[in-house]
Amino acid sequence: MMATLKIKLVKSLIGRKDDQIATALSLGLKRIGAETIQPDNAATRGKIFKIKHLIQVVEEK
């Protein structure tokens, strides 16, 4: 079984750079409080690093 990450958007995307907005949308996060479950891999970790100041991450197994 592959490890997963639960990602929640906790800060607004208003006024953010276009690449940060695009990254959040690529993770499926459109509005504050939105949650998504993503696989724990290098691509997902890179996206998380780019918007780490806007999200909250919980590791799931």
Protein backbone atom coordinates (compact mmCIF):
# COMPACT_ATOMS: atom_id res chain seq x y z
CA MET A 1 0.00 0.00 0.00
CA MET A 2 1.35 3.39 -1.03
CA ALA A 3 1.59 6.24 1.46
CA THR A 4 -0.64 9.24 0.83
CA LEU A 5 -0.75 12.87 1.90
CA LYS A 6 -3.84 14.77 2.96
CA ILE A 7 -3.45 18.40 1.88
CA LYS A 8 -5.69 21.25 3.06
CA LEU A 9 -5.69 24.85 1.79
CA VAL A 10 -5.68 27.13 4.86
CA LYS A 11 -4.84 30.51 3.30
CA SER A 12 -6.41 32.37 0.39
CA LEU A 13 -5.04 32.31 -3.15
CA ILE A 14 -6.04 35.96 -3.69
CA GLY A 15 -3.00 38.11 -4.45
CA ARG A 16 -0.65 35.15 -4.90
CA LYS A 17 1.69 34.68 -7.84
CA ASP A 18 0.26 32.93 -10.88
CA ASP A 19 2.55 29.93 -10.49
CA GLN A 20 1.44 29.42 -6.87
CA ILE A 21 -2.22 29.57 -7.90
CA ALA A 22 -1.56 27.09 -10.71
CA THR A 23 0.19 24.74 -8.29
CA ALA A 24 -2.72 24.84 -5.82
CA LEU A 25 -5.20 24.19 -8.61
CA SER A 26 -3.11 21.28 -9.90
CA LEU A 27 -3.44 19.72 -6.45
CA GLY A 28 -7.22 20.21 -6.59
CA LEU A 29 -7.33 23.07 -4.07
CA LYS A 30 -9.71 25.82 -5.18
CA ARG A 31 -10.91 27.48 -1.98
CA ILE A 32 -10.01 27.77 1.69
CA GLY A 33 -10.84 24.56 3.52
CA ALA A 34 -10.58 22.40 0.40
CA GLU A 35 -8.89 19.05 1.05
CA THR A 36 -7.36 16.51 -1.28
CA ILE A 37 -5.52 13.23 -0.94
CA GLN A 38 -2.42 12.85 -3.11
CA PRO A 39 0.22 10.11 -3.46
CA ASP A 40 3.43 10.68 -1.53
CA ASN A 41 5.98 11.02 -4.34
CA ALA A 42 8.61 13.48 -5.54
CA ALA A 43 6.23 15.43 -7.80
CA THR A 44 3.71 15.98 -5.02
CA ARG A 45 6.44 16.92 -2.54
CA GLY A 46 7.74 19.53 -5.00
CA LYS A 47 4.28 21.08 -5.33
CA ILE A 48 3.88 21.11 -1.55
CA PHE A 49 7.23 22.87 -1.14
CA LYS A 50 6.19 25.59 -3.59
CA ILE A 51 3.02 26.50 -1.63
CA LYS A 52 3.99 25.32 1.86
CA HIS A 53 2.99 28.70 3.36
CA LEU A 54 -0.61 28.25 2.14
CA ILE A 55 -1.36 24.66 3.08
CA GLN A 56 -1.44 22.13 5.90
CA VAL A 57 -0.20 18.58 5.24
CA VAL A 58 -0.99 15.38 7.14
CA GLU A 59 0.71 12.10 6.26
CA GLU A 60 -1.59 9.09 6.00
CA LYS A 61 -0.77 5.42 5.59
